[in-house]
Amino acid sequence: NNATDMSLFLLEEALVATVTGEAFGNKDCIRISYAASKEQITEA
């Protein structure tokens, strides 16, 4: 229903941790950090 649901879905079903945009004042987006290796980014 919202960005928080999306972040939780990705954590539980894709095993990838992101952050809901609602924490940043935006209900439509999620934040994905690419401070990770290229291999991790590709797999995620």
PDB file of all heavy atoms in Angstrom:
ATOM      1  N   ASN A   1       0.802  -1.221   0.000  1.00  0.00           N
ATOM      2  CA  ASN A   1       0.000   0.000   0.000  1.00  0.00           C
ATOM      3  C   ASN A   1       0.836   1.272   0.000  1.00  0.00           C
ATOM      4  O   ASN A   1       0.330   2.347  -0.295  1.00  0.00           O
ATOM      5  CB  ASN A   1      -0.933   0.015   1.217  1.00  0.00           C
ATOM      6  CG  ASN A   1      -2.020  -1.026   1.106  1.00  0.00           C
ATOM      7  OD1 ASN A   1      -2.684  -1.133   0.076  1.00  0.00           O
ATOM      8  ND2 ASN A   1      -2.213  -1.809   2.166  1.00  0.00           N
ATOM      9  N   ASN A   2       2.109   1.145   0.360  1.00  0.00           N
ATOM     10  CA  ASN A   2       2.958   2.336   0.479  1.00  0.00           C
ATOM     11  C   ASN A   2       4.423   1.926   0.434  1.00  0.00           C
ATOM     12  O   ASN A   2       4.748   0.733   0.303  1.00  0.00           O
ATOM     13  CB  ASN A   2       2.638   3.083   1.784  1.00  0.00           C
ATOM     14  CG  ASN A   2       2.630   2.141   2.986  1.00  0.00           C
ATOM     15  OD1 ASN A   2       3.535   1.330   3.156  1.00  0.00           O
ATOM     16  ND2 ASN A   2       1.587   2.229   3.802  1.00  0.00           N
ATOM     17  N   ALA A   3       5.290   2.925   0.554  1.00  0.00           N
ATOM     18  CA  ALA A   3       6.728   2.663   0.456  1.00  0.00           C
ATOM     19  C   ALA A   3       7.229   1.793   1.609  1.00  0.00           C
ATOM     20  O   ALA A   3       8.146   0.984   1.434  1.00  0.00           O
ATOM     21  CB  ALA A   3       7.493   3.985   0.423  1.00  0.00           C
ATOM     22  N   THR A   4       6.618   1.944   2.772  1.00  0.00           N
ATOM     23  CA  THR A   4       7.027   1.113   3.912  1.00  0.00           C
ATOM     24  C   THR A   4       6.721  -0.352   3.635  1.00  0.00           C
ATOM     25  O   THR A   4       7.550  -1.240   3.896  1.00  0.00           O
ATOM     26  CB  THR A   4       6.313   1.581   5.188  1.00  0.00           C
ATOM     27  OG1 THR A   4       6.665   2.949   5.450  1.00  0.00           O
ATOM     28  CG2 THR A   4       6.722   0.721   6.387  1.00  0.00           C
ATOM     29  N   ASP A   5       5.531  -0.612   3.080  1.00  0.00           N
ATOM     30  CA  ASP A   5       5.194  -1.990   2.705  1.00  0.00           C
ATOM     31  C   ASP A   5       6.189  -2.541   1.692  1.00  0.00           C
ATOM     32  O   ASP A   5       6.577  -3.718   1.753  1.00  0.00           O
ATOM     33  CB  ASP A   5       3.787  -2.046   2.108  1.00  0.00           C
ATOM     34  CG  ASP A   5       2.689  -1.847   3.145  1.00  0.00           C
ATOM     35  OD1 ASP A   5       2.985  -1.939   4.351  1.00  0.00           O
ATOM     36  OD2 ASP A   5       1.540  -1.604   2.738  1.00  0.00           O
ATOM     37  N   MET A   6       6.593  -1.699   0.746  1.00  0.00           N
ATOM     38  CA  MET A   6       7.545  -2.148  -0.274  1.00  0.00           C
ATOM     39  C   MET A   6       8.886  -2.521   0.358  1.00  0.00           C
ATOM     40  O   MET A   6       9.469  -3.563   0.045  1.00  0.00           O
ATOM     41  CB  MET A   6       7.742  -1.068  -1.334  1.00  0.00           C
ATOM     42  CG  MET A   6       8.820  -1.396  -2.370  1.00  0.00           C
ATOM     43  SD  MET A   6       8.466  -2.893  -3.344  1.00  0.00           S
ATOM     44  CE  MET A   6       7.425  -2.201  -4.628  1.00  0.00           C
ATOM     45  N   SER A   7       9.385  -1.669   1.260  1.00  0.00           N
ATOM     46  CA  SER A   7      10.670  -1.970   1.900  1.00  0.00           C
ATOM     47  C   SER A   7      10.606  -3.258   2.699  1.00  0.00           C
ATOM     48  O   SER A   7      11.535  -4.084   2.661  1.00  0.00           O
ATOM     49  CB  SER A   7      11.096  -0.806   2.812  1.00  0.00           C
ATOM     50  OG  SER A   7      11.660   0.237   2.067  1.00  0.00           O
ATOM     51  N   LEU A   8       9.508  -3.477   3.422  1.00  0.00           N
ATOM     52  CA  LEU A   8       9.365  -4.706   4.204  1.00  0.00           C
ATOM     53  C   LEU A   8       9.227  -5.920   3.292  1.00  0.00           C
ATOM     54  O   LEU A   8       9.784  -6.987   3.574  1.00  0.00           O
ATOM     55  CB  LEU A   8       8.164  -4.591   5.138  1.00  0.00           C
ATOM     56  CG  LEU A   8       8.335  -3.637   6.317  1.00  0.00           C
ATOM     57  CD1 LEU A   8       7.018  -3.446   7.068  1.00  0.00           C
ATOM     58  CD2 LEU A   8       9.422  -4.142   7.263  1.00  0.00           C
ATOM     59  N   PHE A   9       8.506  -5.748   2.188  1.00  0.00           N
ATOM     60  CA  PHE A   9       8.363  -6.845   1.222  1.00  0.00           C
ATOM     61  C   PHE A   9       9.729  -7.237   0.664  1.00  0.00           C
ATOM     62  O   PHE A   9      10.056  -8.430   0.582  1.00  0.00           O
ATOM     63  CB  PHE A   9       7.428  -6.414   0.087  1.00  0.00           C
ATOM     64  CG  PHE A   9       7.329  -7.422  -1.029  1.00  0.00           C
ATOM     65  CD1 PHE A   9       6.461  -8.494  -0.947  1.00  0.00           C
ATOM     66  CD2 PHE A   9       8.121  -7.295  -2.165  1.00  0.00           C
ATOM     67  CE1 PHE A   9       6.374  -9.433  -1.968  1.00  0.00           C
ATOM     68  CE2 PHE A   9       8.047  -8.222  -3.187  1.00  0.00           C
ATOM     69  CZ  PHE A   9       7.172  -9.297  -3.092  1.00  0.00           C
ATOM     70  N   LEU A  10      10.536  -6.239   0.281  1.00  0.00           N
ATOM     71  CA  LEU A  10      11.841  -6.542  -0.297  1.00  0.00           C
ATOM     72  C   LEU A  10      12.768  -7.191   0.727  1.00  0.00           C
ATOM     73  O   LEU A  10      13.579  -8.058   0.388  1.00  0.00           O
ATOM     74  CB  LEU A  10      12.476  -5.263  -0.852  1.00  0.00           C
ATOM     75  CG  LEU A  10      11.749  -4.631  -2.044  1.00  0.00           C
ATOM     76  CD1 LEU A  10      12.464  -3.363  -2.494  1.00  0.00           C
ATOM     77  CD2 LEU A  10      11.643  -5.614  -3.213  1.00  0.00           C
ATOM     78  N   LEU A  11      12.632  -6.785   1.990  1.00  0.00           N
ATOM     79  CA  LEU A  11      13.458  -7.399   3.029  1.00  0.00           C
ATOM     80  C   LEU A  11      13.066  -8.859   3.239  1.00  0.00           C
ATOM     81  O   LEU A  11      13.925  -9.739   3.315  1.00  0.00           O
ATOM     82  CB  LEU A  11      13.319  -6.618   4.341  1.00  0.00           C
ATOM     83  CG  LEU A  11      14.142  -7.148   5.523  1.00  0.00           C
ATOM     84  CD1 LEU A  11      15.637  -7.110   5.216  1.00  0.00           C
ATOM     85  CD2 LEU A  11      13.841  -6.357   6.790  1.00  0.00           C
ATOM     86  N   GLU A  12      11.776  -9.110   3.314  1.00  0.00           N
ATOM     87  CA  GLU A  12      11.303 -10.458   3.642  1.00  0.00           C
ATOM     88  C   GLU A  12      11.323 -11.411   2.449  1.00  0.00           C
ATOM     89  O   GLU A  12      11.595 -12.604   2.601  1.00  0.00           O
ATOM     90  CB  GLU A  12       9.884 -10.373   4.211  1.00  0.00           C
ATOM     91  CG  GLU A  12       9.846  -9.661   5.559  1.00  0.00           C
ATOM     92  CD  GLU A  12       8.436  -9.278   5.990  1.00  0.00           C
ATOM     93  OE1 GLU A  12       7.497  -9.503   5.189  1.00  0.00           O
ATOM     94  OE2 GLU A  12       8.282  -8.751   7.108  1.00  0.00           O
ATOM     95  N   GLU A  13      11.038 -10.895   1.247  1.00  0.00           N
ATOM     96  CA  GLU A  13      10.919 -11.775   0.075  1.00  0.00           C
ATOM     97  C   GLU A  13      12.169 -11.784  -0.802  1.00  0.00           C
ATOM     98  O   GLU A  13      12.500 -12.804  -1.396  1.00  0.00           O
ATOM     99  CB  GLU A  13       9.705 -11.360  -0.760  1.00  0.00           C
ATOM    100  CG  GLU A  13       8.378 -11.513  -0.045  1.00  0.00           C
ATOM    101  CD  GLU A  13       8.064 -12.961   0.320  1.00  0.00           C
ATOM    102  OE1 GLU A  13       8.540 -13.864  -0.392  1.00  0.00           O
ATOM    103  OE2 GLU A  13       7.346 -13.182   1.316  1.00  0.00           O
ATOM    104  N   ALA A  14      12.855 -10.634  -0.887  1.00  0.00           N
ATOM    105  CA  ALA A  14      14.073 -10.578  -1.705  1.00  0.00           C
ATOM    106  C   ALA A  14      15.326 -10.661  -0.850  1.00  0.00           C
ATOM    107  O   ALA A  14      16.432 -10.823  -1.376  1.00  0.00           O
ATOM    108  CB  ALA A  14      14.085  -9.285  -2.529  1.00  0.00           C
ATOM    109  N   LEU A  15      15.148 -10.535   0.472  1.00  0.00           N
ATOM    110  CA  LEU A  15      16.275 -10.519   1.420  1.00  0.00           C
ATOM    111  C   LEU A  15      17.235  -9.370   1.122  1.00  0.00           C
ATOM    112  O   LEU A  15      18.457  -9.513   1.202  1.00  0.00           O
ATOM    113  CB  LEU A  15      17.006 -11.870   1.408  1.00  0.00           C
ATOM    114  CG  LEU A  15      16.154 -13.102   1.711  1.00  0.00           C
ATOM    115  CD1 LEU A  15      17.018 -14.359   1.723  1.00  0.00           C
ATOM    116  CD2 LEU A  15      15.401 -12.950   3.028  1.00  0.00           C
ATOM    117  N   VAL A  16      16.648  -8.217   0.779  1.00  0.00           N
ATOM    118  CA  VAL A  16      17.417  -6.998   0.508  1.00  0.00           C
ATOM    119  C   VAL A  16      16.874  -5.890   1.405  1.00  0.00           C
ATOM    120  O   VAL A  16      15.669  -5.606   1.403  1.00  0.00           O
ATOM    121  CB  VAL A  16      17.306  -6.567  -0.969  1.00  0.00           C
ATOM    122  CG1 VAL A  16      18.032  -5.240  -1.192  1.00  0.00           C
ATOM    123  CG2 VAL A  16      17.875  -7.645  -1.886  1.00  0.00           C
ATOM    124  N   ALA A  17      17.758  -5.268   2.168  1.00  0.00           N
ATOM    125  CA  ALA A  17      17.357  -4.185   3.074  1.00  0.00           C
ATOM    126  C   ALA A  17      17.464  -2.842   2.362  1.00  0.00           C
ATOM    127  O   ALA A  17      18.527  -2.478   1.862  1.00  0.00           O
ATOM    128  CB  ALA A  17      18.232  -4.192   4.321  1.00  0.00           C
ATOM    129  N   THR A  18      16.340  -2.114   2.302  1.00  0.00           N
ATOM    130  CA  THR A  18      16.287  -0.747   1.789  1.00  0.00           C
ATOM    131  C   THR A  18      15.639   0.107   2.889  1.00  0.00           C
ATOM    132  O   THR A  18      15.405  -0.377   3.998  1.00  0.00           O
ATOM    133  CB  THR A  18      15.466  -0.674   0.495  1.00  0.00           C
ATOM    134  OG1 THR A  18      14.118  -1.085   0.785  1.00  0.00           O
ATOM    135  CG2 THR A  18      16.048  -1.589  -0.582  1.00  0.00           C
ATOM    136  N   VAL A  19      15.315   1.357   2.594  1.00  0.00           N
ATOM    137  CA  VAL A  19      14.633   2.200   3.583  1.00  0.00           C
ATOM    138  C   VAL A  19      13.430   2.859   2.923  1.00  0.00           C
ATOM    139  O   VAL A  19      13.522   3.362   1.798  1.00  0.00           O
ATOM    140  CB  VAL A  19      15.568   3.299   4.150  1.00  0.00           C
ATOM    141  CG1 VAL A  19      14.857   4.055   5.275  1.00  0.00           C
ATOM    142  CG2 VAL A  19      16.872   2.714   4.655  1.00  0.00           C
ATOM    143  N   THR A  20      12.320   2.867   3.629  1.00  0.00           N
ATOM    144  CA  THR A  20      11.129   3.521   3.114  1.00  0.00           C
ATOM    145  C   THR A  20      11.332   5.028   2.955  1.00  0.00           C
ATOM    146  O   THR A  20      11.926   5.676   3.827  1.00  0.00           O
ATOM    147  CB  THR A  20       9.918   3.279   4.032  1.00  0.00           C
ATOM    148  OG1 THR A  20       8.824   4.103   3.592  1.00  0.00           O
ATOM    149  CG2 THR A  20      10.232   3.645   5.486  1.00  0.00           C
ATOM    150  N   GLY A  21      10.800   5.564   1.891  1.00  0.00           N
ATOM    151  CA  GLY A  21      10.871   7.007   1.681  1.00  0.00           C
ATOM    152  C   GLY A  21      10.041   7.789   2.673  1.00  0.00           C
ATOM    153  O   GLY A  21      10.259   8.991   2.865  1.00  0.00           O
ATOM    154  N   GLU A  22       9.085   7.126   3.326  1.00  0.00           N
ATOM    155  CA  GLU A  22       8.265   7.823   4.312  1.00  0.00           C
ATOM    156  C   GLU A  22       9.114   8.370   5.454  1.00  0.00           C
ATOM    157  O   GLU A  22       8.762   9.388   6.062  1.00  0.00           O
ATOM    158  CB  GLU A  22       7.181   6.884   4.839  1.00  0.00           C
ATOM    159  CG  GLU A  22       6.150   6.516   3.778  1.00  0.00           C
ATOM    160  CD  GLU A  22       4.953   5.768   4.337  1.00  0.00           C
ATOM    161  OE1 GLU A  22       4.194   6.384   5.099  1.00  0.00           O
ATOM    162  OE2 GLU A  22       4.787   4.583   3.996  1.00  0.00           O
ATOM    163  N   ALA A  23      10.236   7.727   5.736  1.00  0.00           N
ATOM    164  CA  ALA A  23      11.131   8.225   6.780  1.00  0.00           C
ATOM    165  C   ALA A  23      11.780   9.546   6.382  1.00  0.00           C
ATOM    166  O   ALA A  23      12.240  10.308   7.240  1.00  0.00           O
ATOM    167  CB  ALA A  23      12.226   7.186   7.054  1.00  0.00           C
ATOM    168  N   PHE A  24      11.810   9.830   5.091  1.00  0.00           N
ATOM    169  CA  PHE A  24      12.432  11.040   4.571  1.00  0.00           C
ATOM    170  C   PHE A  24      11.399  12.068   4.096  1.00  0.00           C
ATOM    171  O   PHE A  24      11.739  13.039   3.427  1.00  0.00           O
ATOM    172  CB  PHE A  24      13.362  10.695   3.405  1.00  0.00           C
ATOM    173  CG  PHE A  24      14.366   9.612   3.721  1.00  0.00           C
ATOM    174  CD1 PHE A  24      14.144   8.298   3.342  1.00  0.00           C
ATOM    175  CD2 PHE A  24      15.541   9.905   4.386  1.00  0.00           C
ATOM    176  CE1 PHE A  24      15.064   7.288   3.623  1.00  0.00           C
ATOM    177  CE2 PHE A  24      16.463   8.910   4.680  1.00  0.00           C
ATOM    178  CZ  PHE A  24      16.230   7.606   4.296  1.00  0.00           C
ATOM    179  N   GLY A  25      10.134  11.816   4.435  1.00  0.00           N
ATOM    180  CA  GLY A  25       9.088  12.745   4.042  1.00  0.00           C
ATOM    181  C   GLY A  25       8.527  12.517   2.655  1.00  0.00           C
ATOM    182  O   GLY A  25       7.861  13.385   2.096  1.00  0.00           O
ATOM    183  N   ASN A  26       8.776  11.334   2.068  1.00  0.00           N
ATOM    184  CA  ASN A  26       8.269  11.018   0.738  1.00  0.00           C
ATOM    185  C   ASN A  26       7.632   9.629   0.772  1.00  0.00           C
ATOM    186  O   ASN A  26       8.320   8.642   1.036  1.00  0.00           O
ATOM    187  CB  ASN A  26       9.390  11.072  -0.299  1.00  0.00           C
ATOM    188  CG  ASN A  26       8.905  10.822  -1.712  1.00  0.00           C
ATOM    189  OD1 ASN A  26       8.330   9.787  -2.006  1.00  0.00           O
ATOM    190  ND2 ASN A  26       9.155  11.771  -2.607  1.00  0.00           N
ATOM    191  N   LYS A  27       6.335   9.553   0.496  1.00  0.00           N
ATOM    192  CA  LYS A  27       5.604   8.294   0.651  1.00  0.00           C
ATOM    193  C   LYS A  27       5.664   7.402  -0.581  1.00  0.00           C
ATOM    194  O   LYS A  27       5.184   6.274  -0.540  1.00  0.00           O
ATOM    195  CB  LYS A  27       4.143   8.580   0.986  1.00  0.00           C
ATOM    196  CG  LYS A  27       3.391   9.325  -0.095  1.00  0.00           C
ATOM    197  CD  LYS A  27       1.954   9.614   0.301  1.00  0.00           C
ATOM    198  CE  LYS A  27       1.214  10.416  -0.745  1.00  0.00           C
ATOM    199  NZ  LYS A  27       1.209   9.817  -2.088  1.00  0.00           N
ATOM    200  N   ASP A  28       6.238   7.904  -1.678  1.00  0.00           N
ATOM    201  CA  ASP A  28       6.196   7.155  -2.940  1.00  0.00           C
ATOM    202  C   ASP A  28       7.499   6.439  -3.285  1.00  0.00           C
ATOM    203  O   ASP A  28       7.529   5.655  -4.236  1.00  0.00           O
ATOM    204  CB  ASP A  28       5.858   8.103  -4.099  1.00  0.00           C
ATOM    205  CG  ASP A  28       4.456   8.675  -3.990  1.00  0.00           C
ATOM    206  OD1 ASP A  28       3.583   7.990  -3.429  1.00  0.00           O
ATOM    207  OD2 ASP A  28       4.240   9.809  -4.457  1.00  0.00           O
ATOM    208  N   CYS A  29       8.565   6.713  -2.551  1.00  0.00           N
ATOM    209  CA  CYS A  29       9.889   6.226  -2.951  1.00  0.00           C
ATOM    210  C   CYS A  29      10.518   5.361  -1.866  1.00  0.00           C
ATOM    211  O   CYS A  29      10.084   5.356  -0.714  1.00  0.00           O
ATOM    212  CB  CYS A  29      10.816   7.415  -3.239  1.00  0.00           C
ATOM    213  SG  CYS A  29      10.233   8.506  -4.564  1.00  0.00           S
ATOM    214  N   ILE A  30      11.544   4.628  -2.265  1.00  0.00           N
ATOM    215  CA  ILE A  30      12.404   3.939  -1.309  1.00  0.00           C
ATOM    216  C   ILE A  30      13.845   4.362  -1.570  1.00  0.00           C
ATOM    217  O   ILE A  30      14.197   4.734  -2.690  1.00  0.00           O
ATOM    218  CB  ILE A  30      12.283   2.402  -1.399  1.00  0.00           C
ATOM    219  CG1 ILE A  30      12.685   1.892  -2.788  1.00  0.00           C
ATOM    220  CG2 ILE A  30      10.867   1.945  -1.046  1.00  0.00           C
ATOM    221  CD1 ILE A  30      12.768   0.361  -2.878  1.00  0.00           C
ATOM    222  N   ARG A  31      14.642   4.329  -0.524  1.00  0.00           N
ATOM    223  CA  ARG A  31      16.062   4.659  -0.690  1.00  0.00           C
ATOM    224  C   ARG A  31      16.873   3.385  -0.773  1.00  0.00           C
ATOM    225  O   ARG A  31      16.758   2.494   0.077  1.00  0.00           O
ATOM    226  CB  ARG A  31      16.577   5.505   0.479  1.00  0.00           C
ATOM    227  CG  ARG A  31      17.977   6.073   0.223  1.00  0.00           C
ATOM    228  CD  ARG A  31      18.574   6.738   1.443  1.00  0.00           C
ATOM    229  NE  ARG A  31      19.066   5.755   2.407  1.00  0.00           N
ATOM    230  CZ  ARG A  31      19.755   6.084   3.516  1.00  0.00           C
ATOM    231  NH1 ARG A  31      19.988   7.355   3.794  1.00  0.00           N
ATOM    232  NH2 ARG A  31      20.170   5.135   4.345  1.00  0.00           N
ATOM    233  N   ILE A  32      17.691   3.310  -1.813  1.00  0.00           N
ATOM    234  CA  ILE A  32      18.612   2.181  -1.990  1.00  0.00           C
ATOM    235  C   ILE A  32      20.021   2.733  -1.998  1.00  0.00           C
ATOM    236  O   ILE A  32      20.365   3.597  -2.813  1.00  0.00           O
ATOM    237  CB  ILE A  32      18.337   1.430  -3.310  1.00  0.00           C
ATOM    238  CG1 ILE A  32      16.873   1.002  -3.408  1.00  0.00           C
ATOM    239  CG2 ILE A  32      19.257   0.217  -3.417  1.00  0.00           C
ATOM    240  CD1 ILE A  32      16.501   0.359  -4.741  1.00  0.00           C
ATOM    241  N   SER A  33      20.845   2.259  -1.078  1.00  0.00           N
ATOM    242  CA  SER A  33      22.234   2.697  -1.017  1.00  0.00           C
ATOM    243  C   SER A  33      23.081   1.813  -1.933  1.00  0.00           C
ATOM    244  O   SER A  33      22.894   0.602  -1.984  1.00  0.00           O
ATOM    245  CB  SER A  33      22.760   2.585   0.415  1.00  0.00           C
ATOM    246  OG  SER A  33      24.168   2.725   0.449  1.00  0.00           O
ATOM    247  N   TYR A  34      23.991   2.466  -2.682  1.00  0.00           N
ATOM    248  CA  TYR A  34      24.938   1.655  -3.442  1.00  0.00           C
ATOM    249  C   TYR A  34      26.349   1.743  -2.849  1.00  0.00           C
ATOM    250  O   TYR A  34      27.359   1.601  -3.557  1.00  0.00           O
ATOM    251  CB  TYR A  34      24.927   1.994  -4.939  1.00  0.00           C
ATOM    252  CG  TYR A  34      25.063   3.445  -5.327  1.00  0.00           C
ATOM    253  CD1 TYR A  34      26.313   4.029  -5.514  1.00  0.00           C
ATOM    254  CD2 TYR A  34      23.937   4.245  -5.552  1.00  0.00           C
ATOM    255  CE1 TYR A  34      26.436   5.348  -5.906  1.00  0.00           C
ATOM    256  CE2 TYR A  34      24.054   5.556  -5.946  1.00  0.00           C
ATOM    257  CZ  TYR A  34      25.311   6.111  -6.120  1.00  0.00           C
ATOM    258  OH  TYR A  34      25.438   7.422  -6.502  1.00  0.00           O
ATOM    259  N   ALA A  35      26.386   1.924  -1.522  1.00  0.00           N
ATOM    260  CA  ALA A  35      27.652   1.802  -0.798  1.00  0.00           C
ATOM    261  C   ALA A  35      27.873   0.324  -0.471  1.00  0.00           C
ATOM    262  O   ALA A  35      27.889  -0.098   0.683  1.00  0.00           O
ATOM    263  CB  ALA A  35      27.622   2.648   0.467  1.00  0.00           C
ATOM    264  N   ALA A  36      28.001  -0.446  -1.522  1.00  0.00           N
ATOM    265  CA  ALA A  36      28.201  -1.895  -1.426  1.00  0.00           C
ATOM    266  C   ALA A  36      28.975  -2.327  -2.656  1.00  0.00           C
ATOM    267  O   ALA A  36      29.080  -1.576  -3.632  1.00  0.00           O
ATOM    268  CB  ALA A  36      26.849  -2.613  -1.354  1.00  0.00           C
ATOM    269  N   SER A  37      29.492  -3.532  -2.631  1.00  0.00           N
ATOM    270  CA  SER A  37      30.281  -4.002  -3.765  1.00  0.00           C
ATOM    271  C   SER A  37      29.402  -4.168  -4.995  1.00  0.00           C
ATOM    272  O   SER A  37      28.177  -4.334  -4.890  1.00  0.00           O
ATOM    273  CB  SER A  37      30.954  -5.333  -3.427  1.00  0.00           C
ATOM    274  OG  SER A  37      29.983  -6.365  -3.354  1.00  0.00           O
ATOM    275  N   LYS A  38      30.027  -4.143  -6.169  1.00  0.00           N
ATOM    276  CA  LYS A  38      29.275  -4.341  -7.414  1.00  0.00           C
ATOM    277  C   LYS A  38      28.603  -5.710  -7.430  1.00  0.00           C
ATOM    278  O   LYS A  38      27.484  -5.857  -7.959  1.00  0.00           O
ATOM    279  CB  LYS A  38      30.202  -4.176  -8.615  1.00  0.00           C
ATOM    280  CG  LYS A  38      30.691  -2.743  -8.803  1.00  0.00           C
ATOM    281  CD  LYS A  38      31.741  -2.646  -9.902  1.00  0.00           C
ATOM    282  CE  LYS A  38      32.251  -1.216 -10.041  1.00  0.00           C
ATOM    283  NZ  LYS A  38      33.388  -1.121 -10.964  1.00  0.00           N
ATOM    284  N   GLU A  39      29.255  -6.691  -6.854  1.00  0.00           N
ATOM    285  CA  GLU A  39      28.674  -8.034  -6.804  1.00  0.00           C
ATOM    286  C   GLU A  39      27.407  -8.038  -5.947  1.00  0.00           C
ATOM    287  O   GLU A  39      26.390  -8.635  -6.316  1.00  0.00           O
ATOM    288  CB  GLU A  39      29.693  -9.029  -6.241  1.00  0.00           C
ATOM    289  CG  GLU A  39      30.890  -9.304  -7.137  1.00  0.00           C
ATOM    290  CD  GLU A  39      31.917  -8.164  -7.138  1.00  0.00           C
ATOM    291  OE1 GLU A  39      31.909  -7.343  -6.185  1.00  0.00           O
ATOM    292  OE2 GLU A  39      32.719  -8.087  -8.102  1.00  0.00           O
ATOM    293  N   GLN A  40      27.466  -7.352  -4.794  1.00  0.00           N
ATOM    294  CA  GLN A  40      26.288  -7.274  -3.928  1.00  0.00           C
ATOM    295  C   GLN A  40      25.157  -6.503  -4.593  1.00  0.00           C
ATOM    296  O   GLN A  40      23.989  -6.890  -4.503  1.00  0.00           O
ATOM    297  CB  GLN A  40      26.666  -6.606  -2.604  1.00  0.00           C
ATOM    298  CG  GLN A  40      27.465  -7.488  -1.653  1.00  0.00           C
ATOM    299  CD  GLN A  40      27.800  -6.749  -0.380  1.00  0.00           C
ATOM    300  OE1 GLN A  40      28.344  -5.645  -0.394  1.00  0.00           O
ATOM    301  NE2 GLN A  40      27.480  -7.345   0.760  1.00  0.00           N
ATOM    302  N   ILE A  41      25.511  -5.393  -5.260  1.00  0.00           N
ATOM    303  CA  ILE A  41      24.490  -4.596  -5.949  1.00  0.00           C
ATOM    304  C   ILE A  41      23.810  -5.432  -7.030  1.00  0.00           C
ATOM    305  O   ILE A  41      22.574  -5.449  -7.135  1.00  0.00           O
ATOM    306  CB  ILE A  41      25.129  -3.328  -6.552  1.00  0.00           C
ATOM    307  CG1 ILE A  41      25.575  -2.380  -5.438  1.00  0.00           C
ATOM    308  CG2 ILE A  41      24.140  -2.619  -7.492  1.00  0.00           C
ATOM    309  CD1 ILE A  41      26.466  -1.249  -5.915  1.00  0.00           C
ATOM    310  N   THR A  42      24.612  -6.140  -7.813  1.00  0.00           N
ATOM    311  CA  THR A  42      24.062  -6.958  -8.904  1.00  0.00           C
ATOM    312  C   THR A  42      23.142  -8.034  -8.367  1.00  0.00           C
ATOM    313  O   THR A  42      22.036  -8.246  -8.875  1.00  0.00           O
ATOM    314  CB  THR A  42      25.209  -7.583  -9.724  1.00  0.00           C
ATOM    315  OG1 THR A  42      26.033  -6.524 -10.252  1.00  0.00           O
ATOM    316  CG2 THR A  42      24.664  -8.415 -10.866  1.00  0.00           C
ATOM    317  N   GLU A  43      23.580  -8.722  -7.328  1.00  0.00           N
ATOM    318  CA  GLU A  43      22.774  -9.782  -6.741  1.00  0.00           C
ATOM    319  C   GLU A  43      21.496  -9.213  -6.111  1.00  0.00           C
ATOM    320  O   GLU A  43      20.411  -9.788  -6.251  1.00  0.00           O
ATOM    321  CB  GLU A  43      23.581 -10.548  -5.689  1.00  0.00           C
ATOM    322  CG  GLU A  43      22.807 -11.596  -4.901  1.00  0.00           C
ATOM    323  CD  GLU A  43      22.242 -12.721  -5.756  1.00  0.00           C
ATOM    324  OE1 GLU A  43      22.748 -12.959  -6.871  1.00  0.00           O
ATOM    325  OE2 GLU A  43      21.277 -13.374  -5.304  1.00  0.00           O
ATOM    326  N   ALA A  44      21.619  -8.073  -5.419  1.00  0.00           N
ATOM    327  CA  ALA A  44      20.455  -7.474  -4.764  1.00  0.00           C
ATOM    328  C   ALA A  44      19.386  -7.084  -5.775  1.00  0.00           C
ATOM    329  O   ALA A  44      18.191  -7.362  -5.586  1.00  0.00           O
ATOM    330  CB  ALA A  44      20.886  -6.262  -3.946  1.00  0.00           C
TER     331      ALA A  44
END
